[in-house]
N, C-alpha and C. Protein backbone atom coordinates (compact mmCIF):
# COMPACT_ATOMS: atom_id res chain seq x y z
N MET A 1 -1.95 0.21 5.32
CA MET A 1 -0.54 0.10 5.13
C MET A 1 -0.15 1.03 3.99
N ARG A 2 0.93 1.75 4.17
CA ARG A 2 1.45 2.63 3.11
C ARG A 2 2.70 2.00 2.53
N LEU A 3 2.71 1.93 1.21
CA LEU A 3 3.88 1.45 0.48
C LEU A 3 4.35 2.60 -0.39
N VAL A 4 5.64 2.82 -0.45
CA VAL A 4 6.17 3.92 -1.25
C VAL A 4 7.11 3.36 -2.31
N HIS A 5 6.89 3.78 -3.54
CA HIS A 5 7.75 3.40 -4.66
C HIS A 5 8.47 4.66 -5.13
N LEU A 6 9.79 4.66 -5.06
CA LEU A 6 10.56 5.81 -5.52
C LEU A 6 10.73 5.69 -7.03
N LEU A 7 10.34 6.76 -7.74
CA LEU A 7 10.24 6.71 -9.19
C LEU A 7 11.52 7.08 -9.93
N ASP A 8 12.45 7.70 -9.25
CA ASP A 8 13.66 8.12 -9.94
C ASP A 8 14.89 7.84 -9.08
N GLU A 9 16.05 7.85 -9.72
CA GLU A 9 17.28 7.52 -9.01
C GLU A 9 17.63 8.54 -7.92
N GLN A 10 17.21 9.78 -8.10
CA GLN A 10 17.49 10.81 -7.10
C GLN A 10 16.55 10.68 -5.89
N LYS A 11 15.56 9.81 -6.00
CA LYS A 11 14.59 9.56 -4.94
C LYS A 11 13.84 10.83 -4.55
N ARG A 12 13.51 11.64 -5.57
CA ARG A 12 12.78 12.88 -5.33
C ARG A 12 11.31 12.75 -5.70
N ASN A 13 10.97 11.73 -6.48
CA ASN A 13 9.59 11.51 -6.88
C ASN A 13 9.16 10.16 -6.35
N GLU A 14 7.97 10.11 -5.78
CA GLU A 14 7.51 8.86 -5.21
C GLU A 14 6.04 8.63 -5.53
N LEU A 15 5.66 7.38 -5.50
CA LEU A 15 4.28 6.98 -5.64
C LEU A 15 3.91 6.27 -4.35
N MET A 16 2.92 6.79 -3.65
CA MET A 16 2.49 6.16 -2.42
C MET A 16 1.23 5.34 -2.71
N ILE A 17 1.26 4.11 -2.26
CA ILE A 17 0.13 3.21 -2.43
C ILE A 17 -0.43 2.90 -1.04
N ILE A 18 -1.71 3.14 -0.88
CA ILE A 18 -2.38 2.82 0.38
C ILE A 18 -3.08 1.47 0.15
N TYR A 19 -2.73 0.49 0.94
CA TYR A 19 -3.29 -0.85 0.81
C TYR A 19 -4.07 -1.18 2.06
N SER A 20 -5.30 -1.61 1.88
CA SER A 20 -6.10 -2.02 3.04
C SER A 20 -6.99 -3.18 2.65
N GLU A 21 -7.46 -3.88 3.63
CA GLU A 21 -8.38 -4.98 3.43
C GLU A 21 -9.47 -4.88 4.49
N ASP A 22 -10.63 -5.40 4.15
CA ASP A 22 -11.75 -5.45 5.09
C ASP A 22 -11.49 -6.57 6.09
N VAL A 23 -11.63 -6.28 7.35
CA VAL A 23 -11.38 -7.28 8.39
C VAL A 23 -12.59 -8.20 8.59
N ALA A 24 -13.76 -7.83 8.05
CA ALA A 24 -14.99 -8.58 8.27
C ALA A 24 -14.88 -10.08 7.94
N PRO A 25 -14.23 -10.47 6.83
CA PRO A 25 -14.16 -11.90 6.53
C PRO A 25 -13.47 -12.73 7.62
N THR A 26 -12.70 -12.11 8.48
CA THR A 26 -12.05 -12.84 9.57
C THR A 26 -13.02 -13.12 10.70
N GLY A 27 -14.17 -12.43 10.67
CA GLY A 27 -15.13 -12.57 11.77
C GLY A 27 -14.77 -11.71 12.96
N LEU A 28 -13.75 -10.91 12.81
CA LEU A 28 -13.30 -10.03 13.89
C LEU A 28 -13.61 -8.59 13.52
N THR A 29 -13.44 -7.70 14.49
CA THR A 29 -13.57 -6.27 14.23
C THR A 29 -12.23 -5.61 14.45
N ALA A 30 -12.06 -4.44 13.86
CA ALA A 30 -10.80 -3.70 14.06
C ALA A 30 -10.59 -3.42 15.55
N GLY A 31 -11.65 -3.07 16.24
CA GLY A 31 -11.54 -2.79 17.67
C GLY A 31 -11.04 -3.97 18.47
N GLU A 32 -11.46 -5.17 18.09
CA GLU A 32 -11.00 -6.37 18.79
C GLU A 32 -9.52 -6.64 18.57
N LEU A 33 -9.01 -6.17 17.43
CA LEU A 33 -7.60 -6.42 17.09
C LEU A 33 -6.66 -5.34 17.62
N HIS A 34 -7.21 -4.23 18.09
CA HIS A 34 -6.37 -3.16 18.66
C HIS A 34 -5.85 -3.60 20.02
N GLU A 35 -4.76 -2.96 20.44
CA GLU A 35 -4.20 -3.25 21.75
C GLU A 35 -5.28 -3.10 22.81
N GLY A 36 -5.41 -4.10 23.65
CA GLY A 36 -6.46 -4.10 24.67
C GLY A 36 -7.72 -4.82 24.21
N GLY A 37 -7.83 -5.11 22.91
CA GLY A 37 -8.99 -5.82 22.38
C GLY A 37 -8.92 -7.30 22.72
N LYS A 38 -10.07 -7.96 22.66
CA LYS A 38 -10.11 -9.36 23.11
C LYS A 38 -9.36 -10.32 22.19
N THR A 39 -9.08 -9.91 20.95
CA THR A 39 -8.33 -10.79 20.04
C THR A 39 -7.01 -10.16 19.60
N TYR A 40 -6.52 -9.23 20.39
CA TYR A 40 -5.26 -8.55 20.06
C TYR A 40 -4.12 -9.55 19.86
N ASP A 41 -4.16 -10.66 20.58
CA ASP A 41 -3.09 -11.66 20.46
C ASP A 41 -3.04 -12.30 19.07
N GLN A 42 -4.13 -12.20 18.30
CA GLN A 42 -4.16 -12.75 16.93
C GLN A 42 -3.59 -11.76 15.91
N TRP A 43 -3.45 -10.49 16.30
CA TRP A 43 -3.03 -9.47 15.35
C TRP A 43 -1.69 -9.74 14.68
N PRO A 44 -0.65 -10.18 15.38
CA PRO A 44 0.64 -10.40 14.70
C PRO A 44 0.54 -11.36 13.51
N ALA A 45 -0.20 -12.44 13.63
CA ALA A 45 -0.34 -13.39 12.53
C ALA A 45 -1.15 -12.78 11.38
N ILE A 46 -2.21 -12.06 11.72
CA ILE A 46 -3.03 -11.41 10.70
C ILE A 46 -2.23 -10.32 10.00
N GLU A 47 -1.47 -9.54 10.76
CA GLU A 47 -0.65 -8.47 10.20
C GLU A 47 0.39 -9.03 9.23
N LYS A 48 1.04 -10.13 9.60
CA LYS A 48 2.06 -10.73 8.72
C LYS A 48 1.45 -11.13 7.39
N LYS A 49 0.29 -11.77 7.42
CA LYS A 49 -0.36 -12.18 6.17
C LYS A 49 -0.77 -10.97 5.34
N LEU A 50 -1.24 -9.92 6.00
CA LEU A 50 -1.61 -8.68 5.31
C LEU A 50 -0.40 -8.07 4.61
N VAL A 51 0.71 -7.98 5.32
CA VAL A 51 1.94 -7.42 4.74
C VAL A 51 2.41 -8.28 3.57
N ASP A 52 2.38 -9.59 3.74
CA ASP A 52 2.80 -10.49 2.66
C ASP A 52 1.95 -10.28 1.41
N ARG A 53 0.63 -10.17 1.58
CA ARG A 53 -0.24 -9.95 0.42
C ARG A 53 0.02 -8.58 -0.21
N ALA A 54 0.21 -7.57 0.61
CA ALA A 54 0.42 -6.21 0.10
C ALA A 54 1.70 -6.11 -0.73
N ILE A 55 2.79 -6.67 -0.23
CA ILE A 55 4.05 -6.52 -0.96
C ILE A 55 4.15 -7.47 -2.15
N SER A 56 3.28 -8.48 -2.21
CA SER A 56 3.32 -9.38 -3.36
C SER A 56 2.34 -8.96 -4.45
N TYR A 57 1.59 -7.90 -4.21
CA TYR A 57 0.61 -7.42 -5.19
C TYR A 57 1.34 -7.02 -6.46
N ASP A 58 0.87 -7.50 -7.59
CA ASP A 58 1.54 -7.27 -8.88
C ASP A 58 1.10 -5.92 -9.46
N LEU A 59 2.01 -4.97 -9.48
CA LEU A 59 1.71 -3.62 -10.00
C LEU A 59 1.97 -3.49 -11.49
N ARG A 60 2.48 -4.53 -12.14
CA ARG A 60 2.80 -4.42 -13.56
C ARG A 60 1.62 -4.00 -14.42
N PRO A 61 0.38 -4.46 -14.15
CA PRO A 61 -0.73 -4.00 -14.98
C PRO A 61 -0.96 -2.49 -14.89
N LEU A 62 -0.45 -1.87 -13.85
CA LEU A 62 -0.61 -0.43 -13.68
C LEU A 62 0.49 0.38 -14.37
N GLU A 63 1.51 -0.28 -14.88
CA GLU A 63 2.67 0.43 -15.41
C GLU A 63 2.30 1.40 -16.53
N GLU A 64 1.41 1.00 -17.44
CA GLU A 64 1.02 1.90 -18.52
C GLU A 64 0.34 3.15 -17.97
N HIS A 65 -0.51 2.95 -16.99
CA HIS A 65 -1.19 4.09 -16.36
C HIS A 65 -0.18 4.98 -15.63
N LEU A 66 0.78 4.38 -14.96
CA LEU A 66 1.81 5.15 -14.26
C LEU A 66 2.64 5.97 -15.24
N GLN A 67 2.94 5.41 -16.40
CA GLN A 67 3.69 6.16 -17.41
C GLN A 67 2.92 7.40 -17.84
N MET A 68 1.59 7.26 -18.01
CA MET A 68 0.76 8.40 -18.38
C MET A 68 0.79 9.47 -17.27
N ILE A 69 0.67 9.02 -16.03
CA ILE A 69 0.69 9.96 -14.90
C ILE A 69 2.04 10.67 -14.83
N ARG A 70 3.12 9.94 -15.00
CA ARG A 70 4.45 10.56 -14.98
C ARG A 70 4.55 11.64 -16.06
N GLY A 71 4.03 11.35 -17.25
CA GLY A 71 4.05 12.33 -18.33
C GLY A 71 3.28 13.59 -17.97
N ARG A 72 2.14 13.42 -17.35
CA ARG A 72 1.34 14.59 -16.94
C ARG A 72 2.05 15.39 -15.86
N ILE A 73 2.66 14.69 -14.91
CA ILE A 73 3.40 15.38 -13.84
C ILE A 73 4.57 16.17 -14.43
N ARG A 74 5.30 15.55 -15.34
CA ARG A 74 6.42 16.25 -15.98
C ARG A 74 5.92 17.50 -16.69
N GLY A 75 4.79 17.39 -17.38
CA GLY A 75 4.23 18.53 -18.09
C GLY A 75 3.80 19.65 -17.15
N MET A 76 3.24 19.29 -16.00
CA MET A 76 2.76 20.29 -15.05
C MET A 76 3.93 20.95 -14.32
N CYS A 77 4.97 20.19 -14.09
CA CYS A 77 6.09 20.69 -13.28
C CYS A 77 7.31 21.07 -14.11
N SER A 78 7.21 20.95 -15.41
CA SER A 78 8.32 21.23 -16.31
C SER A 78 9.55 20.40 -15.96
N LEU A 79 9.30 19.13 -15.64
CA LEU A 79 10.42 18.23 -15.33
C LEU A 79 10.99 17.67 -16.62
N PRO A 80 12.27 17.34 -16.64
CA PRO A 80 12.88 16.75 -17.85
C PRO A 80 12.37 15.34 -18.11
């Protein structure tokens, strides 16, 4: 799943977060969950829980690191 955080009001800078989880703990395989797979009918419920966990992930601990990255990007690109 890709999540995008727009970093400025002009929406010209973004941070893309790739979120994934291992399907193994479910006892299923990715192939079984794909369309045509034997457990494809379970995918909507699994997908909803995955999305809920992804969007509820707390990024605040990363804020200090993000500030450092923003500073480096500004320095490399001569941004204000």
